[in-house]
Amino acid sequence: MSEHTHPSSGAPATEPEPIQAVPLRHPGRWISGALVLIGLGLFLWGAATNDAYRWDVYGQYLFDSRITAAAWKTVQLTALAMLIAVLLGVLLAVMRLSPNPVLKSVSWLYLWVFRGTPVYVQLVLWGLFPSIYKQIDLGIPFVHQFVHIDVQGLNAAFLFAVVGLALNEAAYMAEIVRAGIGSVPEGQVEASTALGMSWSQTIRRTVLPQAMRVIIPPTGNELISMLKTTSLVAAVPYSLELYGRARDISGANFQPIPLLLVAATWYLAITSVLMVGQYFIERHYSKGLSRHLTNRQLQALADAQELPAVAPKNPNHPGGGLA
């Protein structure tokens, strides 16, 4: 008689012996890892013993009040520019998808101009804005002007820097939002239309909330990129942000290398915080997208599959079961 019997015979079956799996050896991984660690250690030792880095100056200015104030200005510049860019980007994306040909053409022209020219050139033009428009008049054209703004008298370098960064970033955010809207199934739009929603209500209530799962990850990347792009606002000119302040200090003490390391450290610290925030926001909007079952849930599913299928009883049927 065989040692293993069929489950339907009722005789107990002997479990097969577990397979003793031997993991594969990967010596190449250990060798490559050791080489990387050795190279990293040599680099750190060389940097620590190289007098050109001037680590004493680095430690002196790392938490200098001027540097910390400049880091806060950089955060403000990034936040304001990104907020305006997101709002304007959503508007441009909706215009791009609008059935109105005028709105669609205006959005396409905006994206063509701001994506086709370098951001540094745009910031230089914003720095020359007081020379191009010396005075701004608000009122009825060719009839009467109610407000006269002397642009040359304004000390608005920070404002011009925010506007320049925001207008450039809005063109990229528009494409990100448009891609997110395009990822929503067409059936969602058809269902909203069947419920009597207008086109704007469909976009606002149905499409955009579902598109956030696709919009959030690249938006976080753009926010981090915006933080680093603030180093270009010296073209406005505006020098109270992090890189500009570090450059001014290095111009006074003739120590550019440690001051660049100070600025790089602060940039790295801020971007690390932003990356952590991006991770939690992405996890929030990805709920329900891919669910990993726990061991208990997997065991319950396995036990349910082993049970024989029993039809539920129907008291209205003479046989007591389903027909």
Protein backbone atom coordinates (compact mmCIF):
# COMPACT_ATOMS: atom_id res chain seq x y z
CA MET A 1 0.00 0.00 0.00
CA SER A 2 1.30 3.44 -0.86
CA GLU A 3 2.47 5.69 1.91
CA HIS A 4 0.45 8.63 0.54
CA THR A 5 -3.28 8.07 0.08
CA HIS A 6 -5.80 10.16 -1.79
CA PRO A 7 -7.63 12.68 0.41
CA SER A 8 -11.04 11.33 -0.71
CA SER A 9 -10.28 7.83 0.73
CA GLY A 10 -10.29 9.19 4.25
CA ALA A 11 -6.91 7.68 5.16
CA PRO A 12 -4.37 10.05 6.70
CA ALA A 13 -1.69 11.29 4.32
CA THR A 14 1.91 11.74 5.35
CA GLU A 15 3.33 15.23 4.78
CA PRO A 16 6.35 15.26 2.44
CA GLU A 17 9.66 16.17 3.96
CA PRO A 18 10.53 19.83 3.54
CA ILE A 19 13.09 20.65 0.91
CA GLN A 20 16.39 21.78 2.35
CA ALA A 21 17.04 24.75 0.05
CA VAL A 22 20.63 25.93 -0.08
CA PRO A 23 20.95 29.64 -0.94
CA LEU A 24 23.13 30.54 -3.88
CA ARG A 25 26.49 32.07 -3.21
CA HIS A 26 27.13 35.52 -4.61
CA PRO A 27 30.80 36.32 -4.03
CA GLY A 28 30.68 39.10 -6.62
CA ARG A 29 28.30 41.10 -4.41
CA TRP A 30 30.64 40.94 -1.44
CA ILE A 31 33.66 41.87 -3.56
CA SER A 32 31.89 44.82 -5.23
CA GLY A 33 30.48 45.99 -1.88
CA ALA A 34 33.92 45.84 -0.30
CA LEU A 35 35.45 47.81 -3.18
CA VAL A 36 32.76 50.50 -2.87
CA LEU A 37 33.29 50.79 0.89
CA ILE A 38 37.05 51.02 0.43
CA GLY A 39 36.67 53.73 -2.22
CA LEU A 40 34.24 55.67 -0.03
CA GLY A 41 36.54 55.42 2.96
CA LEU A 42 39.53 56.66 0.94
CA PHE A 43 37.48 59.60 -0.35
CA LEU A 44 36.32 60.58 3.14
CA TRP A 45 39.85 60.26 4.52
CA GLY A 46 41.21 62.43 1.71
CA ALA A 47 38.49 65.05 2.25
CA ALA A 48 39.08 65.08 6.00
CA THR A 49 42.84 65.57 5.62
CA ASN A 50 42.71 68.04 2.71
CA ASP A 51 43.41 71.57 3.95
CA ALA A 52 41.62 73.10 0.94
CA TYR A 53 38.24 72.21 2.41
CA ARG A 54 38.91 74.33 5.53
CA TRP A 55 36.60 72.40 7.81
CA ASP A 56 37.19 74.93 10.56
CA VAL A 57 35.64 77.67 8.40
CA TYR A 58 32.86 75.24 7.46
CA GLY A 59 31.98 74.68 11.12
CA GLN A 60 32.19 78.41 11.82
CA TYR A 61 29.60 79.39 9.19
CA LEU A 62 27.34 76.32 9.17
CA PHE A 63 24.95 77.83 11.72
CA ASP A 64 25.82 81.46 11.16
CA SER A 65 22.80 83.73 11.57
CA ARG A 66 23.17 85.06 8.03
CA ILE A 67 23.20 81.54 6.61
CA THR A 68 20.18 80.37 8.62
CA ALA A 69 18.23 83.50 7.65
CA ALA A 70 19.13 82.88 4.00
CA ALA A 71 17.97 79.25 4.31
CA TRP A 72 14.61 80.47 5.62
CA LYS A 73 14.36 82.94 2.73
CA THR A 74 15.05 80.07 0.34
CA VAL A 75 12.22 78.04 1.88
CA GLN A 76 9.86 81.01 1.58
CA LEU A 77 10.87 81.61 -2.01
CA THR A 78 10.34 77.94 -2.87
CA ALA A 79 6.98 77.65 -1.12
CA LEU A 80 5.47 80.82 -2.62
CA ALA A 81 6.71 80.11 -6.13
CA MET A 82 5.52 76.49 -6.01
CA LEU A 83 2.10 77.44 -4.64
CA ILE A 84 1.52 79.91 -7.47
CA ALA A 85 2.90 77.42 -10.00
CA VAL A 86 0.55 74.64 -8.86
CA LEU A 87 -2.54 76.86 -8.99
CA LEU A 88 -1.61 78.31 -12.37
CA GLY A 89 -0.59 74.87 -13.65
CA VAL A 90 -3.99 73.40 -12.80
CA LEU A 91 -5.68 76.31 -14.58
CA LEU A 92 -3.49 75.88 -17.66
CA ALA A 93 -4.09 72.12 -17.74
CA VAL A 94 -7.84 72.61 -17.58
CA MET A 95 -7.60 75.21 -20.34
CA ARG A 96 -5.54 72.80 -22.42
CA LEU A 97 -8.22 70.12 -22.08
CA SER A 98 -11.10 72.54 -22.55
CA PRO A 99 -13.30 72.22 -25.64
CA ASN A 100 -12.96 76.00 -26.04
CA PRO A 101 -10.40 76.55 -28.86
CA VAL A 102 -9.40 80.00 -27.55
CA LEU A 103 -8.52 78.70 -24.07
CA LYS A 104 -6.72 75.73 -25.59
CA SER A 105 -4.64 77.96 -27.88
CA VAL A 106 -3.71 80.38 -25.08
CA SER A 107 -2.59 77.50 -22.86
CA TRP A 108 -0.54 75.94 -25.66
CA LEU A 109 1.14 79.29 -26.41
CA TYR A 110 2.02 79.79 -22.73
CA LEU A 111 3.59 76.34 -22.48
CA TRP A 112 5.47 76.85 -25.73
CA VAL A 113 7.08 80.10 -24.54
CA PHE A 114 7.94 79.20 -20.96
CA ARG A 115 9.10 75.65 -21.65
CA GLY A 116 11.08 76.69 -24.70
CA THR A 117 13.23 79.37 -23.03
CA PRO A 118 15.77 78.85 -20.20
CA VAL A 119 14.66 79.81 -16.72
CA TYR A 120 17.83 81.87 -16.23
CA VAL A 121 16.98 84.01 -19.26
CA GLN A 122 13.46 84.52 -17.92
CA LEU A 123 14.81 85.60 -14.54
CA VAL A 124 17.18 88.08 -16.22
CA LEU A 125 14.20 89.58 -18.05
CA TRP A 126 12.31 89.87 -14.77
CA GLY A 127 15.33 91.64 -13.32
CA LEU A 128 15.15 94.10 -16.21
CA PHE A 129 11.39 94.57 -15.76
CA PRO A 130 11.79 98.04 -14.14
CA SER A 131 13.85 99.12 -17.15
CA ILE A 132 11.29 97.79 -19.64
CA TYR A 133 8.19 99.10 -17.85
CA LYS A 134 9.12 102.19 -15.89
CA GLN A 135 5.54 102.89 -14.88
CA ILE A 136 2.33 100.86 -14.77
CA ASP A 137 -1.02 102.61 -15.18
CA LEU A 138 -4.27 100.93 -14.15
CA GLY A 139 -7.59 102.26 -15.36
CA ILE A 140 -9.64 102.69 -18.53
CA PRO A 141 -7.34 102.45 -21.57
CA PHE A 142 -6.85 105.75 -23.43
CA VAL A 143 -9.42 107.43 -21.18
CA HIS A 144 -8.41 107.68 -17.53
CA GLN A 145 -5.91 105.93 -15.29
CA PHE A 146 -6.79 105.51 -11.65
CA VAL A 147 -3.52 104.09 -10.29
CA HIS A 148 0.06 104.91 -11.25
CA ILE A 149 2.79 102.52 -10.05
CA ASP A 150 6.39 103.64 -10.30
CA VAL A 151 8.13 100.33 -11.04
CA GLN A 152 11.62 101.79 -10.89
CA GLY A 153 10.96 103.03 -7.38
CA LEU A 154 9.93 99.59 -6.17
CA ASN A 155 12.39 97.47 -4.24
CA ALA A 156 10.71 94.22 -5.23
CA ALA A 157 13.53 91.84 -6.13
CA PHE A 158 11.99 89.10 -3.98
CA LEU A 159 8.61 89.57 -5.70
CA PHE A 160 10.17 89.42 -9.17
CA ALA A 161 12.08 86.27 -8.18
CA VAL A 162 8.88 84.57 -6.99
CA VAL A 163 6.97 85.57 -10.12
CA GLY A 164 9.78 84.48 -12.43
CA LEU A 165 10.14 81.06 -10.82
CA ALA A 166 6.38 80.52 -10.56
CA LEU A 167 5.59 81.37 -14.18
CA ASN A 168 8.29 79.04 -15.44
CA GLU A 169 7.30 76.18 -13.16
CA ALA A 170 3.60 76.57 -14.01
CA ALA A 171 4.31 75.42 -17.57
CA TYR A 172 5.73 72.12 -16.28
CA MET A 173 3.03 71.68 -13.65
CA ALA A 174 0.40 72.08 -16.37
CA GLU A 175 1.79 69.07 -18.22
CA ILE A 176 1.96 67.04 -14.98
CA VAL A 177 -1.66 67.85 -14.17
CA ARG A 178 -2.73 67.10 -17.74
CA ALA A 179 -1.04 63.68 -17.55
CA GLY A 180 -2.77 63.00 -14.23
CA ILE A 181 -6.15 63.93 -15.66
CA GLY A 182 -5.50 61.71 -18.67
CA SER A 183 -4.86 58.73 -16.36
CA VAL A 184 -8.45 58.80 -15.06
CA PRO A 185 -10.63 56.24 -16.89
CA GLU A 186 -13.04 57.68 -19.43
CA GLY A 187 -15.90 55.86 -17.73
CA GLN A 188 -15.56 58.17 -14.72
CA VAL A 189 -16.18 61.19 -16.91
CA GLU A 190 -19.12 59.48 -18.63
CA ALA A 191 -20.65 58.56 -15.26
CA SER A 192 -20.34 62.16 -14.03
CA THR A 193 -21.95 63.43 -17.22
CA ALA A 194 -24.78 60.93 -16.79
CA LEU A 195 -25.36 62.30 -13.29
CA GLY A 196 -25.90 65.75 -14.79
CA MET A 197 -22.55 67.33 -13.89
CA SER A 198 -21.15 70.05 -16.12
CA TRP A 199 -17.67 69.83 -17.60
CA SER A 200 -16.14 72.04 -14.89
CA GLN A 201 -17.90 70.10 -12.12
CA THR A 202 -16.65 66.82 -13.58
CA ILE A 203 -13.07 68.08 -13.58
CA ARG A 204 -13.32 69.50 -10.07
CA ARG A 205 -15.29 66.75 -8.31
CA THR A 206 -14.43 63.56 -10.18
CA VAL A 207 -11.28 63.82 -12.26
CA LEU A 208 -8.85 65.87 -10.17
CA PRO A 209 -9.31 63.90 -6.89
CA GLN A 210 -8.54 60.63 -8.71
CA ALA A 211 -5.67 62.18 -10.66
CA MET A 212 -3.82 63.13 -7.47
CA ARG A 213 -2.25 59.67 -7.27
CA VAL A 214 -0.45 60.38 -10.54
CA ILE A 215 0.14 64.09 -9.92
CA ILE A 216 1.73 63.93 -6.46
CA PRO A 217 5.03 62.06 -7.21
CA PRO A 218 6.26 64.33 -10.04
CA THR A 219 5.02 67.39 -8.14
CA GLY A 220 7.25 66.42 -5.22
CA ASN A 221 10.17 66.12 -7.61
CA GLU A 222 9.38 69.53 -9.06
CA LEU A 223 9.26 71.02 -5.56
CA ILE A 224 12.74 69.68 -4.81
CA SER A 225 13.93 70.95 -8.18
CA MET A 226 12.40 74.35 -7.43
CA LEU A 227 14.37 74.54 -4.18
CA LYS A 228 17.62 74.10 -6.10
CA THR A 229 16.53 76.45 -8.90
CA THR A 230 16.29 79.28 -6.37
CA SER A 231 20.09 79.52 -6.62
CA LEU A 232 19.53 81.20 -10.02
CA VAL A 233 17.58 84.18 -8.67
CA ALA A 234 20.85 86.12 -8.55
CA ALA A 235 19.90 87.01 -12.13
CA VAL A 236 17.00 89.16 -10.87
CA PRO A 237 19.17 90.23 -8.89
CA TYR A 238 18.26 88.84 -5.48
CA SER A 239 21.07 87.67 -3.21
CA LEU A 240 19.39 87.05 0.15
CA GLU A 241 18.71 83.38 -0.59
CA LEU A 242 21.07 80.60 0.48
CA TYR A 243 23.51 80.43 -2.40
CA GLY A 244 23.62 84.21 -2.85
CA ARG A 245 24.38 84.79 0.82
CA ALA A 246 27.09 82.10 0.86
CA ARG A 247 28.63 83.67 -2.24
CA ASP A 248 28.63 87.14 -0.64
CA ILE A 249 30.31 85.83 2.52
CA SER A 250 32.94 83.94 0.50
CA GLY A 251 33.63 87.12 -1.45
CA ALA A 252 34.48 88.84 1.83
CA ASN A 253 36.63 86.14 3.47
CA PHE A 254 38.03 84.60 0.24
CA GLN A 255 36.97 81.09 1.29
CA PRO A 256 34.60 79.89 -1.48
CA ILE A 257 35.04 76.14 -0.93
CA PRO A 258 33.85 75.87 2.72
CA LEU A 259 31.00 78.31 2.04
CA LEU A 260 29.86 76.24 -0.93
CA LEU A 261 29.90 73.18 1.32
CA VAL A 262 27.82 75.09 3.88
CA ALA A 263 25.22 75.96 1.22
CA ALA A 264 25.23 72.39 -0.10
CA THR A 265 24.66 71.04 3.43
CA TRP A 266 21.62 73.25 3.94
CA TYR A 267 20.22 72.37 0.53
CA LEU A 268 20.66 68.69 1.33
CA ALA A 269 18.99 69.05 4.73
CA ILE A 270 15.94 70.86 3.31
CA THR A 271 15.54 68.45 0.41
CA SER A 272 15.73 65.52 2.83
CA VAL A 273 12.79 66.94 4.79
CA LEU A 274 10.86 67.45 1.55
CA MET A 275 11.57 63.88 0.45
CA VAL A 276 10.21 62.51 3.73
CA GLY A 277 7.05 64.60 3.32
CA GLN A 278 6.70 63.44 -0.28
CA TYR A 279 6.90 59.81 0.84
CA PHE A 280 4.01 60.14 3.31
CA ILE A 281 1.84 62.13 0.88
CA GLU A 282 2.38 59.54 -1.84
CA ARG A 283 1.48 56.75 0.58
CA HIS A 284 -1.71 58.59 1.55
CA TYR A 285 -2.92 58.98 -2.04
CA SER A 286 -1.89 55.42 -2.96
CA LYS A 287 -4.27 53.82 -0.47
CA GLY A 288 -6.28 51.08 -2.11
CA LEU A 289 -4.08 50.96 -5.19
CA SER A 290 -2.07 47.89 -4.21
CA ARG A 291 -2.98 45.97 -1.08
CA HIS A 292 -0.62 43.46 0.52
CA LEU A 293 -2.45 40.84 2.58
CA THR A 294 -1.16 39.92 6.03
CA ASN A 295 -0.11 36.38 6.93
CA ARG A 296 -3.35 35.86 8.84
CA GLN A 297 -5.42 36.94 5.85
CA LEU A 298 -3.45 34.70 3.52
CA GLN A 299 -3.95 31.74 5.89
CA ALA A 300 -7.69 32.43 6.05
CA LEU A 301 -7.89 32.43 2.26
CA ALA A 302 -5.97 29.15 2.08
CA ASP A 303 -8.26 27.52 4.67
CA ALA A 304 -11.34 28.73 2.79
CA GLN A 305 -10.11 27.19 -0.44
CA GLU A 306 -9.59 23.79 1.26
CA LEU A 307 -13.24 23.65 2.54
CA PRO A 308 -15.79 21.99 0.23
CA ALA A 309 -18.27 24.31 -1.38
CA VAL A 310 -21.62 24.06 0.43
CA ALA A 311 -24.71 25.63 -1.08
CA PRO A 312 -26.62 27.85 1.34
CA LYS A 313 -29.99 26.58 2.41
CA ASN A 314 -33.15 28.12 1.01
CA PRO A 315 -36.12 27.65 3.35
CA ASN A 316 -38.57 28.39 0.53
CA HIS A 317 -37.35 25.39 -1.50
CA PRO A 318 -38.82 21.95 -0.70
CA GLY A 319 -35.40 20.34 -0.62
CA GLY A 320 -34.01 22.92 1.77
CA GLY A 321 -31.34 24.06 -0.67
CA LEU A 322 -30.92 26.12 -3.78
CA ALA A 323 -32.38 24.74 -6.97
